[in-house]
Amino acid sequence: MLVNEHVMNLDQYFKHWQQVRTDLLATVDKFSDKELTYVPFPGSWSVGHIIRHIANAEDGWFRYIITRELSDWPGEFTSAAYPTVAATKVLLNKVHDRTLMSLSDWDETDLDRPIEAPWGQTFKLGWIIWHVLEHEIHHRAELSLILGLLGREGLEV
């Protein structure tokens, strides 16, 4: 039996997430504290809500679904607790640092590991990670579009 001597930890495998995160934080920096309450159209979320939602989804998928550190999906992060751009960036970084710690504990052989969600549905670990990354990319683009609606330049990739 041959043993693969070069198995990458998932933090290496998903290292491009760091660029996505850098671009997200740069996009968040383009908003003022006052603009966190901006709602681009009736019925949509505010800028601050979108940013906090990115952190909430990442925290929920990793700490509730995968690691089971939480006994329930985390409650929404509120504007009262994270009222400024600086505070929302601290939240994003705190949640993502925990994610990176998890990724450093797993390697690419874990990607096919089944994860059963508390509601009974089963996902592959790799699918969950890609889902959370894709979710961040989606909302990063949404924030960039909102900057355009405000007459400013959004993310340049």
C-alpha atoms as a PDB file:
ATOM      1  CA  MET A   1       0.000   0.000   0.000  1.00  0.00           C
ATOM      2  CA  LEU A   2       1.386   3.381  -1.016  1.00  0.00           C
ATOM      3  CA  VAL A   3       1.031   6.247   1.387  1.00  0.00           C
ATOM      4  CA  ASN A   4       0.625   9.746   0.039  1.00  0.00           C
ATOM      5  CA  GLU A   5       3.394  11.673   1.766  1.00  0.00           C
ATOM      6  CA  HIS A   6       2.155  15.034   0.543  1.00  0.00           C
ATOM      7  CA  VAL A   7      -1.318  15.566   1.977  1.00  0.00           C
ATOM      8  CA  MET A   8      -2.222  19.231   2.334  1.00  0.00           C
ATOM      9  CA  ASN A   9      -4.039  20.671   5.289  1.00  0.00           C
ATOM     10  CA  LEU A  10      -7.243  22.350   4.214  1.00  0.00           C
ATOM     11  CA  ASP A  11      -5.919  25.779   5.207  1.00  0.00           C
ATOM     12  CA  GLN A  12      -3.357  25.302   2.423  1.00  0.00           C
ATOM     13  CA  TYR A  13      -5.919  23.762   0.076  1.00  0.00           C
ATOM     14  CA  PHE A  14      -8.228  26.754   0.506  1.00  0.00           C
ATOM     15  CA  LYS A  15      -5.502  29.403   0.762  1.00  0.00           C
ATOM     16  CA  HIS A  16      -7.247  31.469  -1.945  1.00  0.00           C
ATOM     17  CA  TRP A  17      -9.901  32.175   0.705  1.00  0.00           C
ATOM     18  CA  GLN A  18      -7.393  34.625   2.192  1.00  0.00           C
ATOM     19  CA  GLN A  19      -7.601  36.761  -0.982  1.00  0.00           C
ATOM     20  CA  VAL A  20     -11.392  36.592  -0.910  1.00  0.00           C
ATOM     21  CA  ARG A  21     -11.317  37.725   2.731  1.00  0.00           C
ATOM     22  CA  THR A  22      -8.813  40.509   2.015  1.00  0.00           C
ATOM     23  CA  ASP A  23     -11.078  41.772  -0.760  1.00  0.00           C
ATOM     24  CA  LEU A  24     -14.140  41.522   1.496  1.00  0.00           C
ATOM     25  CA  LEU A  25     -12.447  43.595   4.207  1.00  0.00           C
ATOM     26  CA  ALA A  26     -11.306  46.151   1.600  1.00  0.00           C
ATOM     27  CA  THR A  27     -14.899  46.393   0.368  1.00  0.00           C
ATOM     28  CA  VAL A  28     -16.243  46.800   3.911  1.00  0.00           C
ATOM     29  CA  ASP A  29     -13.690  49.577   4.467  1.00  0.00           C
ATOM     30  CA  LYS A  30     -15.285  51.595   1.650  1.00  0.00           C
ATOM     31  CA  PHE A  31     -18.444  52.082   3.719  1.00  0.00           C
ATOM     32  CA  SER A  32     -18.841  54.696   6.432  1.00  0.00           C
ATOM     33  CA  ASP A  33     -20.299  53.805   9.814  1.00  0.00           C
ATOM     34  CA  LYS A  34     -23.488  55.649   8.844  1.00  0.00           C
ATOM     35  CA  GLU A  35     -23.793  53.621   5.624  1.00  0.00           C
ATOM     36  CA  LEU A  36     -24.054  50.373   7.598  1.00  0.00           C
ATOM     37  CA  THR A  37     -27.747  51.226   7.983  1.00  0.00           C
ATOM     38  CA  TYR A  38     -28.201  51.849   4.241  1.00  0.00           C
ATOM     39  CA  VAL A  39     -30.907  49.647   2.685  1.00  0.00           C
ATOM     40  CA  PRO A  40     -30.498  49.603  -1.123  1.00  0.00           C
ATOM     41  CA  PHE A  41     -34.168  48.834  -1.874  1.00  0.00           C
ATOM     42  CA  PRO A  42     -37.318  48.197   0.155  1.00  0.00           C
ATOM     43  CA  GLY A  43     -37.308  44.776   1.761  1.00  0.00           C
ATOM     44  CA  SER A  44     -33.564  44.210   1.413  1.00  0.00           C
ATOM     45  CA  TRP A  45     -31.042  43.933   4.186  1.00  0.00           C
ATOM     46  CA  SER A  46     -28.920  46.827   5.325  1.00  0.00           C
ATOM     47  CA  VAL A  47     -25.208  46.893   4.524  1.00  0.00           C
ATOM     48  CA  GLY A  48     -24.385  46.069   8.151  1.00  0.00           C
ATOM     49  CA  HIS A  49     -26.834  43.171   8.175  1.00  0.00           C
ATOM     50  CA  ILE A  50     -25.222  41.681   5.058  1.00  0.00           C
ATOM     51  CA  ILE A  51     -21.763  41.906   6.641  1.00  0.00           C
ATOM     52  CA  ARG A  52     -22.930  40.358   9.918  1.00  0.00           C
ATOM     53  CA  HIS A  53     -24.798  37.663   7.943  1.00  0.00           C
ATOM     54  CA  ILE A  54     -21.502  36.583   6.324  1.00  0.00           C
ATOM     55  CA  ALA A  55     -20.052  36.019   9.802  1.00  0.00           C
ATOM     56  CA  ASN A  56     -23.231  34.332  11.060  1.00  0.00           C
ATOM     57  CA  ALA A  57     -23.360  31.835   8.194  1.00  0.00           C
ATOM     58  CA  GLU A  58     -19.672  30.970   8.544  1.00  0.00           C
ATOM     59  CA  ASP A  59     -20.009  30.557  12.311  1.00  0.00           C
ATOM     60  CA  GLY A  60     -23.156  28.466  11.936  1.00  0.00           C
ATOM     61  CA  TRP A  61     -21.816  26.082   9.308  1.00  0.00           C
ATOM     62  CA  PHE A  62     -18.487  25.574  11.047  1.00  0.00           C
ATOM     63  CA  ARG A  63     -19.314  25.727  14.765  1.00  0.00           C
ATOM     64  CA  TYR A  64     -22.855  24.338  14.729  1.00  0.00           C
ATOM     65  CA  ILE A  65     -22.931  21.962  11.760  1.00  0.00           C
ATOM     66  CA  ILE A  66     -19.330  20.700  11.478  1.00  0.00           C
ATOM     67  CA  THR A  67     -17.648  20.911  14.887  1.00  0.00           C
ATOM     68  CA  ARG A  68     -20.798  20.982  17.045  1.00  0.00           C
ATOM     69  CA  GLU A  69     -19.161  23.528  19.360  1.00  0.00           C
ATOM     70  CA  LEU A  70     -22.553  25.259  19.449  1.00  0.00           C
ATOM     71  CA  SER A  71     -25.763  23.553  20.504  1.00  0.00           C
ATOM     72  CA  ASP A  72     -27.821  25.672  18.098  1.00  0.00           C
ATOM     73  CA  TRP A  73     -27.293  27.931  15.090  1.00  0.00           C
ATOM     74  CA  PRO A  74     -25.743  31.147  16.428  1.00  0.00           C
ATOM     75  CA  GLY A  75     -28.149  34.002  16.970  1.00  0.00           C
ATOM     76  CA  GLU A  76     -27.938  36.940  14.606  1.00  0.00           C
ATOM     77  CA  PHE A  77     -25.094  39.326  15.307  1.00  0.00           C
ATOM     78  CA  THR A  78     -26.859  42.628  15.995  1.00  0.00           C
ATOM     79  CA  SER A  79     -26.187  46.172  14.889  1.00  0.00           C
ATOM     80  CA  ALA A  80     -26.199  47.170  18.572  1.00  0.00           C
ATOM     81  CA  ALA A  81     -23.267  44.838  19.237  1.00  0.00           C
ATOM     82  CA  TYR A  82     -21.464  45.727  15.976  1.00  0.00           C
ATOM     83  CA  PRO A  83     -22.416  49.347  15.198  1.00  0.00           C
ATOM     84  CA  THR A  84     -19.300  50.434  13.290  1.00  0.00           C
ATOM     85  CA  VAL A  85     -17.254  49.312  10.317  1.00  0.00           C
ATOM     86  CA  ALA A  86     -14.348  48.599  12.675  1.00  0.00           C
ATOM     87  CA  ALA A  87     -16.561  46.452  14.917  1.00  0.00           C
ATOM     88  CA  THR A  88     -17.945  44.454  11.976  1.00  0.00           C
ATOM     89  CA  LYS A  89     -14.403  43.795  10.771  1.00  0.00           C
ATOM     90  CA  VAL A  90     -13.445  42.523  14.232  1.00  0.00           C
ATOM     91  CA  LEU A  91     -16.449  40.177  14.071  1.00  0.00           C
ATOM     92  CA  LEU A  92     -15.529  38.922  10.588  1.00  0.00           C
ATOM     93  CA  ASN A  93     -11.938  38.317  11.675  1.00  0.00           C
ATOM     94  CA  LYS A  94     -12.881  36.600  14.943  1.00  0.00           C
ATOM     95  CA  VAL A  95     -15.200  34.166  13.188  1.00  0.00           C
ATOM     96  CA  HIS A  96     -12.810  33.555  10.310  1.00  0.00           C
ATOM     97  CA  ASP A  97      -9.851  32.937  12.631  1.00  0.00           C
ATOM     98  CA  ARG A  98     -11.839  30.076  14.189  1.00  0.00           C
ATOM     99  CA  THR A  99     -12.572  28.746  10.706  1.00  0.00           C
ATOM    100  CA  LEU A 100      -8.893  28.833   9.789  1.00  0.00           C
ATOM    101  CA  MET A 101      -8.047  26.918  12.963  1.00  0.00           C
ATOM    102  CA  SER A 102     -10.492  24.205  11.933  1.00  0.00           C
ATOM    103  CA  LEU A 103      -9.096  24.106   8.408  1.00  0.00           C
ATOM    104  CA  SER A 104      -5.584  23.664   9.782  1.00  0.00           C
ATOM    105  CA  ASP A 105      -6.779  20.585  11.717  1.00  0.00           C
ATOM    106  CA  TRP A 106      -8.134  18.832   8.622  1.00  0.00           C
ATOM    107  CA  ASP A 107      -6.446  17.657   5.443  1.00  0.00           C
ATOM    108  CA  GLU A 108      -7.650  16.953   1.926  1.00  0.00           C
ATOM    109  CA  THR A 109      -8.530  13.362   2.853  1.00  0.00           C
ATOM    110  CA  ASP A 110     -11.283  14.860   5.052  1.00  0.00           C
ATOM    111  CA  LEU A 111     -13.052  16.551   2.124  1.00  0.00           C
ATOM    112  CA  ASP A 112     -15.283  13.522   1.504  1.00  0.00           C
ATOM    113  CA  ARG A 113     -16.078  13.059   5.195  1.00  0.00           C
ATOM    114  CA  PRO A 114     -19.849  13.042   5.695  1.00  0.00           C
ATOM    115  CA  ILE A 115     -21.212  15.600   8.145  1.00  0.00           C
ATOM    116  CA  GLU A 116     -24.725  15.029   9.399  1.00  0.00           C
ATOM    117  CA  ALA A 117     -26.549  18.256  10.134  1.00  0.00           C
ATOM    118  CA  PRO A 118     -28.707  18.375  13.269  1.00  0.00           C
ATOM    119  CA  TRP A 119     -31.838  18.250  11.066  1.00  0.00           C
ATOM    120  CA  GLY A 120     -30.655  14.924   9.557  1.00  0.00           C
ATOM    121  CA  GLN A 121     -29.341  16.009   6.149  1.00  0.00           C
ATOM    122  CA  THR A 122     -25.814  14.838   5.309  1.00  0.00           C
ATOM    123  CA  PHE A 123     -23.224  16.986   3.558  1.00  0.00           C
ATOM    124  CA  LYS A 124     -19.626  16.289   2.586  1.00  0.00           C
ATOM    125  CA  LEU A 125     -17.144  18.456   4.499  1.00  0.00           C
ATOM    126  CA  GLY A 126     -15.724  19.722   1.196  1.00  0.00           C
ATOM    127  CA  TRP A 127     -19.176  20.823   0.027  1.00  0.00           C
ATOM    128  CA  ILE A 128     -19.745  22.778   3.241  1.00  0.00           C
ATOM    129  CA  ILE A 129     -16.412  24.582   2.975  1.00  0.00           C
ATOM    130  CA  TRP A 130     -17.030  25.485  -0.684  1.00  0.00           C
ATOM    131  CA  HIS A 131     -20.569  26.569   0.196  1.00  0.00           C
ATOM    132  CA  VAL A 132     -19.367  28.956   2.907  1.00  0.00           C
ATOM    133  CA  LEU A 133     -16.621  30.347   0.658  1.00  0.00           C
ATOM    134  CA  GLU A 134     -19.064  30.799  -2.226  1.00  0.00           C
ATOM    135  CA  HIS A 135     -21.526  32.482   0.160  1.00  0.00           C
ATOM    136  CA  GLU A 136     -18.854  35.006   1.140  1.00  0.00           C
ATOM    137  CA  ILE A 137     -17.991  35.677  -2.513  1.00  0.00           C
ATOM    138  CA  HIS A 138     -21.678  36.212  -3.309  1.00  0.00           C
ATOM    139  CA  HIS A 139     -22.214  38.748  -0.532  1.00  0.00           C
ATOM    140  CA  ARG A 140     -18.876  40.454  -1.214  1.00  0.00           C
ATOM    141  CA  ALA A 141     -20.152  41.106  -4.753  1.00  0.00           C
ATOM    142  CA  GLU A 142     -23.471  42.335  -3.367  1.00  0.00           C
ATOM    143  CA  LEU A 143     -21.622  44.844  -1.168  1.00  0.00           C
ATOM    144  CA  SER A 144     -19.585  45.956  -4.160  1.00  0.00           C
ATOM    145  CA  LEU A 145     -22.785  46.513  -6.148  1.00  0.00           C
ATOM    146  CA  ILE A 146     -24.217  48.565  -3.286  1.00  0.00           C
ATOM    147  CA  LEU A 147     -21.145  50.776  -3.401  1.00  0.00           C
ATOM    148  CA  GLY A 148     -21.922  51.342  -7.085  1.00  0.00           C
ATOM    149  CA  LEU A 149     -25.494  52.296  -6.175  1.00  0.00           C
ATOM    150  CA  LEU A 150     -23.986  54.847  -3.791  1.00  0.00           C
ATOM    151  CA  GLY A 151     -21.978  56.256  -6.712  1.00  0.00           C
ATOM    152  CA  ARG A 152     -18.636  54.864  -5.586  1.00  0.00           C
ATOM    153  CA  GLU A 153     -16.230  52.291  -6.918  1.00  0.00           C
ATOM    154  CA  GLY A 154     -16.711  48.785  -5.690  1.00  0.00           C
ATOM    155  CA  LEU A 155     -14.305  45.903  -5.623  1.00  0.00           C
ATOM    156  CA  GLU A 156     -11.804  45.635  -8.447  1.00  0.00           C
ATOM    157  CA  VAL A 157     -10.720  42.087  -9.168  1.00  0.00           C
END
